[in-house]
Protein backbone atom coordinates (compact mmCIF):
# COMPACT_ATOMS: atom_id res chain seq x y z
CA UNK A 1 13.20 88.15 24.91
CA UNK A 2 10.71 86.73 22.42
CA UNK A 3 12.45 88.50 19.56
CA UNK A 4 15.82 87.17 20.73
CA UNK A 5 14.44 83.62 20.96
CA UNK A 6 12.81 83.95 17.54
CA UNK A 7 16.02 85.25 15.95
CA UNK A 8 18.06 82.49 17.57
CA UNK A 9 15.57 79.86 16.42
CA UNK A 10 15.49 81.31 12.90
CA UNK A 11 19.28 81.32 12.77
CA UNK A 12 19.41 77.70 13.91
CA UNK A 13 16.96 76.68 11.17
CA UNK A 14 19.04 78.60 8.62
CA UNK A 15 22.22 76.85 9.75
CA UNK A 16 20.44 73.49 9.77
CA UNK A 17 19.43 74.05 6.16
CA UNK A 18 22.95 75.18 5.30
CA UNK A 19 24.43 72.04 6.87
CA UNK A 20 21.94 69.85 5.02
CA UNK A 21 22.50 71.68 1.72
CA UNK A 22 26.27 71.31 2.06
CA UNK A 23 26.39 67.82 3.50
CA UNK A 24 23.80 66.08 1.31
CA UNK A 25 25.88 66.36 -1.89
CA UNK A 26 28.96 65.32 0.14
CA UNK A 27 27.01 62.39 1.55
CA UNK A 28 25.86 61.35 -1.91
CA UNK A 29 29.38 61.86 -3.31
CA UNK A 30 30.82 59.63 -0.59
CA UNK A 31 28.08 57.09 -1.17
CA UNK A 32 28.63 57.04 -4.93
CA UNK A 33 32.40 56.86 -4.47
CA UNK A 34 32.09 53.92 -2.12
CA UNK A 35 29.54 52.26 -4.38
CA UNK A 36 32.27 51.72 -6.98
CA UNK A 37 34.04 49.35 -4.59
CA UNK A 38 30.80 47.79 -3.37
CA UNK A 39 29.62 47.11 -6.92
CA UNK A 40 32.90 45.38 -7.71
CA UNK A 41 32.61 43.13 -4.65
CA UNK A 42 28.99 42.42 -5.60
CA UNK A 43 29.74 41.64 -9.24
CA UNK A 44 32.76 39.40 -8.69
CA UNK A 45 30.75 37.43 -6.11
CA UNK A 46 29.74 34.96 -8.81
CA UNK A 47 33.42 34.05 -9.29
CA UNK A 48 33.74 32.68 -5.74
CA UNK A 49 35.14 33.59 -2.33
CA UNK A 50 38.74 33.83 -3.60
CA UNK A 51 37.72 36.46 -6.17
CA UNK A 52 35.87 38.45 -3.49
CA UNK A 53 38.89 38.30 -1.17
CA UNK A 54 41.29 39.30 -3.98
CA UNK A 55 39.19 42.28 -5.05
CA UNK A 56 38.79 43.37 -1.44
CA UNK A 57 42.53 43.05 -0.86
CA UNK A 58 43.31 45.18 -3.92
CA UNK A 59 40.84 47.81 -2.75
CA UNK A 60 42.42 47.79 0.69
CA UNK A 61 45.84 48.56 -0.79
CA UNK A 62 44.33 51.46 -2.75
CA UNK A 63 42.73 52.79 0.44
CA UNK A 64 46.08 52.54 2.24
CA UNK A 65 47.80 54.45 -0.56
CA UNK A 66 45.05 57.06 -0.56
CA UNK A 67 45.85 57.94 3.06
CA UNK A 68 48.46 60.45 1.96
CA UNK A 69 46.10 62.01 -0.57
CA UNK A 70 43.19 62.18 1.88
CA UNK A 71 45.42 64.03 4.30
CA UNK A 72 46.69 66.42 1.66
CA UNK A 73 43.13 66.98 0.37
CA UNK A 74 41.96 67.83 3.90
CA UNK A 75 44.75 70.39 4.19
CA UNK A 76 43.69 71.95 0.88
CA UNK A 77 40.03 71.90 1.92
CA UNK A 78 40.66 73.64 5.26
CA UNK A 79 43.02 76.32 3.90
CA UNK A 80 40.74 77.08 0.93
CA UNK A 81 37.69 77.21 3.24
CA UNK A 82 39.42 79.74 5.54
CA UNK A 83 40.55 81.90 2.60
CA UNK A 84 37.15 81.68 0.90
CA UNK A 85 35.32 82.58 4.12
CA UNK A 86 37.65 85.55 4.62
CA UNK A 87 36.94 86.78 1.07
CA UNK A 88 40.51 86.09 -0.13
CA UNK A 89 39.38 84.33 -3.32
CA UNK A 90 42.51 84.84 -5.42
CA UNK A 91 44.70 83.23 -2.76
CA UNK A 92 42.21 80.37 -2.52
CA UNK A 93 42.49 79.75 -6.28
CA UNK A 94 46.28 79.85 -6.15
CA UNK A 95 46.19 77.37 -3.28
CA UNK A 96 43.99 75.08 -5.35
CA UNK A 97 46.36 75.08 -8.34
CA UNK A 98 49.46 74.46 -6.22
CA UNK A 99 47.66 71.61 -4.44
CA UNK A 100 46.67 69.97 -7.73
CA UNK A 101 50.26 70.05 -9.05
CA UNK A 102 51.66 68.61 -5.83
CA UNK A 103 49.02 65.87 -5.91
CA UNK A 104 50.10 64.93 -9.45
CA UNK A 105 53.70 64.46 -8.34
CA UNK A 106 52.65 62.29 -5.41
CA UNK A 107 50.42 60.20 -7.68
CA UNK A 108 53.34 59.29 -9.96
CA UNK A 109 55.34 58.01 -6.96
CA UNK A 110 52.34 56.08 -5.64
CA UNK A 111 51.78 54.42 -9.02
CA UNK A 112 55.36 53.17 -9.22
CA UNK A 113 55.34 51.86 -5.65
CA UNK A 114 51.95 50.16 -6.01
CA UNK A 115 52.82 48.41 -9.23
CA UNK A 116 56.21 47.36 -7.92
CA UNK A 117 55.34 46.12 -4.43
CA UNK A 118 51.59 45.48 -4.37
CA UNK A 119 51.86 41.72 -4.82
CA UNK A 120 54.58 41.45 -2.17
CA UNK A 121 52.33 43.21 0.34
CA UNK A 122 49.49 40.81 -0.49
CA UNK A 123 51.85 37.90 0.20
CA UNK A 124 52.93 39.51 3.47
CA UNK A 125 49.31 39.83 4.53
CA UNK A 126 48.92 36.08 4.13
CA UNK A 127 46.88 35.86 0.92
CA UNK A 128 46.53 32.24 -0.13
CA UNK A 129 47.64 31.04 -3.62
CA UNK A 130 44.05 31.01 -4.93
CA UNK A 131 43.59 34.63 -3.82
CA UNK A 132 46.98 35.70 -5.24
CA UNK A 133 46.05 34.20 -8.61
CA UNK A 134 43.39 36.91 -8.90
CA UNK A 135 44.99 39.67 -6.85
CA UNK A 136 48.39 40.12 -8.53
CA UNK A 137 47.20 41.44 -11.90
CA UNK A 138 44.25 43.30 -10.35
CA UNK A 139 46.57 45.26 -8.06
CA UNK A 140 48.99 46.17 -10.86
CA UNK A 141 46.18 47.36 -13.11
CA UNK A 142 44.38 49.59 -10.59
CA UNK A 143 47.67 51.22 -9.59
CA UNK A 144 48.57 51.90 -13.23
CA UNK A 145 45.68 54.40 -13.39
CA UNK A 146 45.87 55.51 -9.76
CA UNK A 147 46.39 59.16 -10.75
CA UNK A 148 42.74 59.48 -11.73
CA UNK A 149 41.64 58.23 -8.30
CA UNK A 150 43.90 60.75 -6.57
CA UNK A 151 42.85 63.54 -8.93
CA UNK A 152 39.16 62.97 -8.23
CA UNK A 153 39.87 63.32 -4.52
CA UNK A 154 41.87 66.55 -4.61
CA UNK A 155 39.52 68.29 -7.06
CA UNK A 156 36.53 67.34 -4.90
CA UNK A 157 38.27 68.74 -1.80
CA UNK A 158 39.09 72.00 -3.57
CA UNK A 159 35.49 72.53 -4.64
CA UNK A 160 34.10 71.54 -1.24
CA UNK A 161 36.37 74.12 0.39
CA UNK A 162 34.63 76.84 -1.62
CA UNK A 163 31.24 75.51 -0.53
CA UNK A 164 30.49 73.85 -3.88
CA UNK A 165 29.63 70.26 -3.01
CA UNK A 166 27.27 69.71 -5.93
CA UNK A 167 29.87 69.53 -8.73
CA UNK A 168 31.97 66.83 -6.99
CA UNK A 169 28.73 64.87 -6.54
CA UNK A 170 28.06 65.13 -10.28
CA UNK A 171 31.56 63.86 -11.04
CA UNK A 172 31.24 60.84 -8.76
CA UNK A 173 27.76 60.13 -10.14
CA UNK A 174 29.27 60.03 -13.63
CA UNK A 175 31.88 57.55 -12.37
CA UNK A 176 29.17 55.27 -10.98
CA UNK A 177 26.96 55.34 -14.06
CA UNK A 178 29.87 54.41 -16.33
CA UNK A 179 31.18 51.82 -13.89
CA UNK A 180 27.86 50.00 -13.54
CA UNK A 181 27.36 50.08 -17.30
CA UNK A 182 30.67 48.40 -18.17
CA UNK A 183 31.78 46.38 -15.11
CA UNK A 184 29.43 43.41 -15.49
CA UNK A 185 30.03 42.93 -19.24
CA UNK A 186 33.80 43.12 -18.73
CA UNK A 187 33.79 40.69 -15.79
CA UNK A 188 31.55 38.03 -17.34
CA UNK A 189 32.03 38.64 -21.09
CA UNK A 190 28.67 40.05 -22.20
CA UNK A 191 27.70 42.49 -25.00
CA UNK A 192 30.60 41.34 -27.15
CA UNK A 193 33.32 41.97 -24.55
CA UNK A 194 35.92 39.31 -23.65
CA UNK A 195 35.50 37.65 -20.23
CA UNK A 196 38.15 39.38 -18.13
CA UNK A 197 36.97 38.10 -14.72
CA UNK A 198 38.44 40.06 -11.79
CA UNK A 199 40.49 42.18 -14.21
CA UNK A 200 37.25 43.39 -15.75
CA UNK A 201 36.45 45.09 -12.46
CA UNK A 202 39.80 46.89 -12.58
CA UNK A 203 39.29 48.04 -16.18
CA UNK A 204 35.83 49.39 -15.27
CA UNK A 205 37.19 51.37 -12.31
CA UNK A 206 40.03 52.85 -14.34
CA UNK A 207 37.89 53.98 -17.27
CA UNK A 208 35.08 55.44 -15.15
CA UNK A 209 37.42 57.34 -12.81
CA UNK A 210 39.34 58.76 -15.77
CA UNK A 211 36.05 60.14 -17.09
CA UNK A 212 35.07 61.53 -13.67
CA UNK A 213 38.44 63.22 -13.19
CA UNK A 214 38.22 64.82 -16.64
CA UNK A 215 34.76 66.18 -15.85
CA UNK A 216 35.85 67.74 -12.53
CA UNK A 217 38.99 69.25 -14.07
CA UNK A 218 36.97 70.88 -16.84
CA UNK A 219 34.47 72.24 -14.31
CA UNK A 220 37.22 73.54 -12.03
CA UNK A 221 38.76 75.47 -14.91
CA UNK A 222 35.39 76.69 -16.18
CA UNK A 223 34.22 77.92 -12.76
CA UNK A 224 37.54 79.58 -11.98
CA UNK A 225 38.56 77.52 -8.96
CA UNK A 226 42.15 77.21 -10.25
CA UNK A 227 44.50 80.15 -10.79
CA UNK A 228 47.04 78.75 -13.25
CA UNK A 229 50.53 80.14 -12.84
CA UNK A 230 53.64 79.72 -10.78
CA UNK A 231 52.79 77.61 -7.70
CA UNK A 232 52.64 79.67 -4.50
CA UNK A 233 54.97 77.73 -2.18
CA UNK A 234 53.93 79.71 0.90
CA UNK A 235 50.29 78.71 0.46
CA UNK A 236 51.29 75.14 -0.38
CA UNK A 237 53.30 75.04 2.85
CA UNK A 238 50.13 75.91 4.78
CA UNK A 239 48.26 73.11 3.04
CA UNK A 240 51.00 70.62 3.86
CA UNK A 241 51.25 71.90 7.44
CA UNK A 242 47.58 71.14 8.07
CA UNK A 243 47.43 68.10 5.79
CA UNK A 244 50.42 66.03 6.87
CA UNK A 245 49.00 65.16 10.32
CA UNK A 246 45.82 64.04 8.54
CA UNK A 247 47.96 61.95 6.18
CA UNK A 248 49.75 60.42 9.17
CA UNK A 249 46.35 59.83 10.77
CA UNK A 250 45.13 57.98 7.69
CA UNK A 251 48.42 56.04 7.46
CA UNK A 252 47.98 54.99 11.07
CA UNK A 253 44.38 54.03 10.37
CA UNK A 254 44.92 52.11 7.14
CA UNK A 255 48.23 50.46 8.08
CA UNK A 256 46.59 49.32 11.30
CA UNK A 257 43.70 48.07 9.18
CA UNK A 258 46.19 46.04 7.14
CA UNK A 259 47.50 44.30 10.25
CA UNK A 260 43.97 43.88 11.54
CA UNK A 261 43.06 42.27 8.21
CA UNK A 262 46.06 39.95 8.57
CA UNK A 263 44.53 38.56 11.76
CA UNK A 264 41.19 38.09 9.96
CA UNK A 265 42.83 36.31 6.99
CA UNK A 266 44.28 33.87 9.50
CA UNK A 267 40.76 32.55 10.12
CA UNK A 268 40.40 31.45 6.46
CA UNK A 269 39.12 32.68 3.09
CA UNK A 270 35.45 32.49 4.13
CA UNK A 271 36.15 34.68 7.16
CA UNK A 272 37.98 37.29 5.10
CA UNK A 273 35.31 37.26 2.38
CA UNK A 274 32.68 37.84 5.11
CA UNK A 275 34.85 40.63 6.50
CA UNK A 276 35.09 42.33 3.09
CA UNK A 277 31.38 42.05 2.38
CA UNK A 278 30.59 43.32 5.86
CA UNK A 279 32.92 46.29 5.37
CA UNK A 280 31.29 47.06 2.03
CA UNK A 281 27.85 47.13 3.64
CA UNK A 282 29.07 48.98 6.71
CA UNK A 283 30.65 51.64 4.50
CA UNK A 284 27.14 52.71 3.52
CA UNK A 285 26.62 53.80 7.11
CA UNK A 286 29.93 55.70 7.03
CA UNK A 287 28.60 57.98 4.35
CA UNK A 288 26.29 60.13 6.52
CA UNK A 289 28.95 60.50 9.21
CA UNK A 290 31.69 61.20 6.67
CA UNK A 291 29.46 63.68 4.84
CA UNK A 292 28.58 65.52 8.04
CA UNK A 293 32.26 65.46 9.05
CA UNK A 294 33.31 67.13 5.79
CA UNK A 295 30.43 69.62 6.09
CA UNK A 296 31.48 70.38 9.68
CA UNK A 297 35.11 70.93 8.61
CA UNK A 298 34.10 73.21 5.72
CA UNK A 299 31.57 75.27 7.69
CA UNK A 300 33.94 75.49 10.65
CA UNK A 301 36.74 76.70 8.39
CA UNK A 302 34.59 79.25 6.57
CA UNK A 303 33.01 80.51 9.81
CA UNK A 304 36.38 80.93 11.51
CA UNK A 305 37.77 82.65 8.40
CA UNK A 306 34.86 85.11 8.59
CA UNK A 307 35.24 85.26 12.44
CA UNK A 308 31.66 84.07 12.97
CA UNK A 309 32.41 81.81 15.92
CA UNK A 310 28.85 81.33 17.16
CA UNK A 311 27.84 80.14 13.72
CA UNK A 312 30.78 77.72 13.78
CA UNK A 313 29.53 76.08 17.00
CA UNK A 314 25.94 75.92 15.77
CA UNK A 315 27.03 74.34 12.47
CA UNK A 316 28.90 71.66 14.42
CA UNK A 317 25.86 70.92 16.58
CA UNK A 318 23.52 70.55 13.62
CA UNK A 319 25.96 68.30 11.74
CA UNK A 320 26.27 66.09 14.81
CA UNK A 321 22.52 65.84 15.27
CA UNK A 322 21.91 64.77 11.69
CA UNK A 323 24.77 62.24 11.72
CA UNK A 324 23.54 60.54 14.91
CA UNK A 325 19.97 60.31 13.62
CA UNK A 326 20.90 58.74 10.29
CA UNK A 327 23.57 56.38 11.60
CA UNK A 328 21.35 55.33 14.49
CA UNK A 329 18.76 54.24 11.92
CA UNK A 330 21.47 52.27 10.07
CA UNK A 331 22.33 50.52 13.34
CA UNK A 332 18.80 49.13 13.55
CA UNK A 333 19.02 47.89 9.97
CA UNK A 334 22.34 46.11 10.57
CA UNK A 335 21.15 44.51 13.79
CA UNK A 336 17.80 43.16 12.61
CA UNK A 337 18.46 42.31 8.92
CA UNK A 338 22.09 41.15 8.65
CA UNK A 339 21.41 37.84 6.85
CA UNK A 340 19.41 39.56 4.12
CA UNK A 341 22.13 42.14 3.53
CA UNK A 342 24.99 39.63 3.34
CA UNK A 343 22.95 37.34 1.07
CA UNK A 344 22.81 40.13 -1.53
CA UNK A 345 26.52 39.54 -2.15
CA UNK A 346 26.97 35.77 -1.83
CA UNK A 347 25.16 32.46 -1.43
CA UNK A 348 28.01 30.82 0.52
CA UNK A 349 26.42 29.74 3.85
CA UNK A 350 29.68 30.13 5.81
CA UNK A 351 30.21 33.64 4.54
CA UNK A 352 26.59 34.59 5.31
CA UNK A 353 26.80 33.18 8.84
CA UNK A 354 30.04 34.95 9.72
CA UNK A 355 29.10 38.18 7.96
CA UNK A 356 25.82 38.40 9.86
CA UNK A 357 27.68 38.36 13.18
CA UNK A 358 30.00 41.08 11.88
CA UNK A 359 27.08 43.36 10.95
CA UNK A 360 25.40 42.90 14.34
CA UNK A 361 28.63 43.98 16.02
CA UNK A 362 28.89 46.94 13.64
CA UNK A 363 25.41 48.07 14.73
CA UNK A 364 26.74 48.95 18.18
CA UNK A 365 29.47 51.13 16.66
CA UNK A 366 27.21 53.43 14.65
CA UNK A 367 26.59 56.18 17.22
CA UNK A 368 30.23 56.45 18.37
CA UNK A 369 31.20 56.47 14.69
CA UNK A 370 28.85 59.39 14.04
CA UNK A 371 30.27 61.29 17.03
CA UNK A 372 33.84 60.57 15.93
CA UNK A 373 33.31 61.69 12.33
CA UNK A 374 31.69 65.03 13.19
CA UNK A 375 33.93 65.98 16.12
CA UNK A 376 37.05 65.03 14.13
CA UNK A 377 35.76 67.04 11.16
CA UNK A 378 35.15 70.11 13.31
CA UNK A 379 38.59 69.81 14.90
CA UNK A 380 40.18 69.58 11.44
CA UNK A 381 38.22 72.69 10.43
CA UNK A 382 39.95 74.56 13.26
CA UNK A 383 43.33 73.28 12.06
CA UNK A 384 43.71 70.93 15.04
CA UNK A 385 44.83 68.01 12.88
CA UNK A 386 47.72 66.92 15.14
CA UNK A 387 45.39 65.91 17.95
CA UNK A 388 43.14 63.92 15.61
CA UNK A 389 46.23 62.09 14.35
CA UNK A 390 47.43 61.23 17.86
CA UNK A 391 44.03 59.88 18.90
CA UNK A 392 43.82 57.78 15.73
CA UNK A 393 47.34 56.43 16.27
CA UNK A 394 46.65 55.43 19.87
CA UNK A 395 43.21 53.95 19.18
CA UNK A 396 44.20 51.99 16.08
CA UNK A 397 47.56 50.61 17.22
CA UNK A 398 47.26 50.77 21.00
CA UNK A 399 43.73 49.34 21.05
CA UNK A 400 42.62 47.65 17.83
CA UNK A 401 45.87 46.08 16.58
CA UNK A 402 47.30 45.26 20.01
CA UNK A 403 44.12 43.77 21.45
CA UNK A 404 43.40 41.89 18.21
CA UNK A 405 46.86 40.36 18.32
CA UNK A 406 46.38 39.32 21.94
CA UNK A 407 42.97 37.84 21.16
CA UNK A 408 44.08 36.00 18.00
CA UNK A 409 47.59 34.79 18.88
CA UNK A 410 48.35 34.27 22.60
CA UNK A 411 44.74 33.72 23.70
CA UNK A 412 43.58 32.10 20.42
CA UNK A 413 40.07 33.43 20.81
CA UNK A 414 37.40 33.24 18.11
CA UNK A 415 37.02 35.40 15.00
CA UNK A 416 34.12 37.18 16.70
CA UNK A 417 36.33 38.26 19.61
CA UNK A 418 38.82 39.79 17.16
CA UNK A 419 36.00 41.60 15.39
CA UNK A 420 34.62 42.89 18.68
CA UNK A 421 37.80 44.84 19.41
CA UNK A 422 36.83 47.60 16.98
CA UNK A 423 33.96 48.56 19.30
CA UNK A 424 36.44 49.52 22.02
CA UNK A 425 38.40 51.48 19.42
CA UNK A 426 35.47 53.63 18.26
CA UNK A 427 34.07 54.33 21.73
CA UNK A 428 37.52 55.55 22.77
CA UNK A 429 37.78 57.87 19.74
CA UNK A 430 34.33 59.34 20.31
CA UNK A 431 35.21 60.24 23.90
CA UNK A 432 38.64 61.63 23.03
CA UNK A 433 37.36 63.88 20.22
CA UNK A 434 34.46 65.13 22.34
CA UNK A 435 36.84 66.01 25.18
CA UNK A 436 39.15 67.99 22.90
CA UNK A 437 36.38 69.93 21.19
CA UNK A 438 34.93 71.06 24.51
CA UNK A 439 38.29 72.63 25.37
CA UNK A 440 39.03 74.17 21.97
CA UNK A 441 39.03 78.00 22.05
CA UNK A 442 38.01 79.17 18.57
CA UNK A 443 39.13 82.73 19.36
CA UNK A 444 42.74 81.52 19.28
CA UNK A 445 42.47 79.77 15.89
CA UNK A 446 44.59 81.42 13.19
CA UNK A 447 45.48 79.78 9.86
């Protein structure tokens, strides 16, 4: 009995280290990736609330467009993880190459749509003339080079599926170093550069992400993650089969976020600027949960591919434990120091006041967010992406959008009531994902 307990404990420690080793680079990659947007919001803050709102609106449209690519990347990640865990490396490399080509075709379509209709969507969302003055050109410019953003995402997913999370982290770190080095001079006209204002932020993103994509592509070819040749349509079909529900999930999430943002914009520019700053700060707390979710999906996929089901469950448990601990600590930070965090981005007293309330509300969502990220990641790792999509659809549109509309329009409640609706959303998701995972039989999972 003692030997059994010792072996079980040793195995748990080994898995805990494996989860940490896999998730930490993912966490840092997610953090660095999100920092690009946060740095832009921070740097354009000196141009006023309209510039902050315009930059945030442009970033929101990019996030909405990325929904399809996030879904497709998840499909590639899961299929490659299963093949890699099963020792079918050649098929994994062929899957990676087919996924990259398909991503390139999608990126061309996304670029044309974003450049053609981005401004119209901003108008639909209710952007005021002062916000549109900044947003129109910013949106066109970031969509012109959207392919690099999409390419970074798919190459990172391919490498993470093989268990290599360090190289994607290096690529995103390169993006951040370049972005920080050139964004401020381009925005405000230092070091001999012209003063581009909000457009300077777009130029900085485009150049830095082009460099990051080039680095990851070179590494993928050098390390042999891509098998160049005729695309294997059967493997690509598997990727799409797992990925399209994730894409629909992200579409449901981000399109709902657009409508939710429309209600926020209705409370004025200061309210939306506070919302964008709050989201930028809150996104830092997403990183641990998102990192653990990706680690859970990868380890679940590899463990199922190798038919090590006990290890799959233990990996999930360790990822969940770490996510709750870290995000619980972030909750304390948001609740007790909101004014200080918002004041890092702006000196506008209205924005600071409203943003502080937003962060205090966000504090109560941290634990359900952690639970949602990890359980959803583990379910995706089993291929159960349809259920995750359905829960996201119901929670975003049936709870967040519907209740926000009722609060803002018929009842005409305050901005804080509209913000509070997202708490109901995330508690519902946490419970729904937990329920499904408890009933998921890993013995029946075949990809």
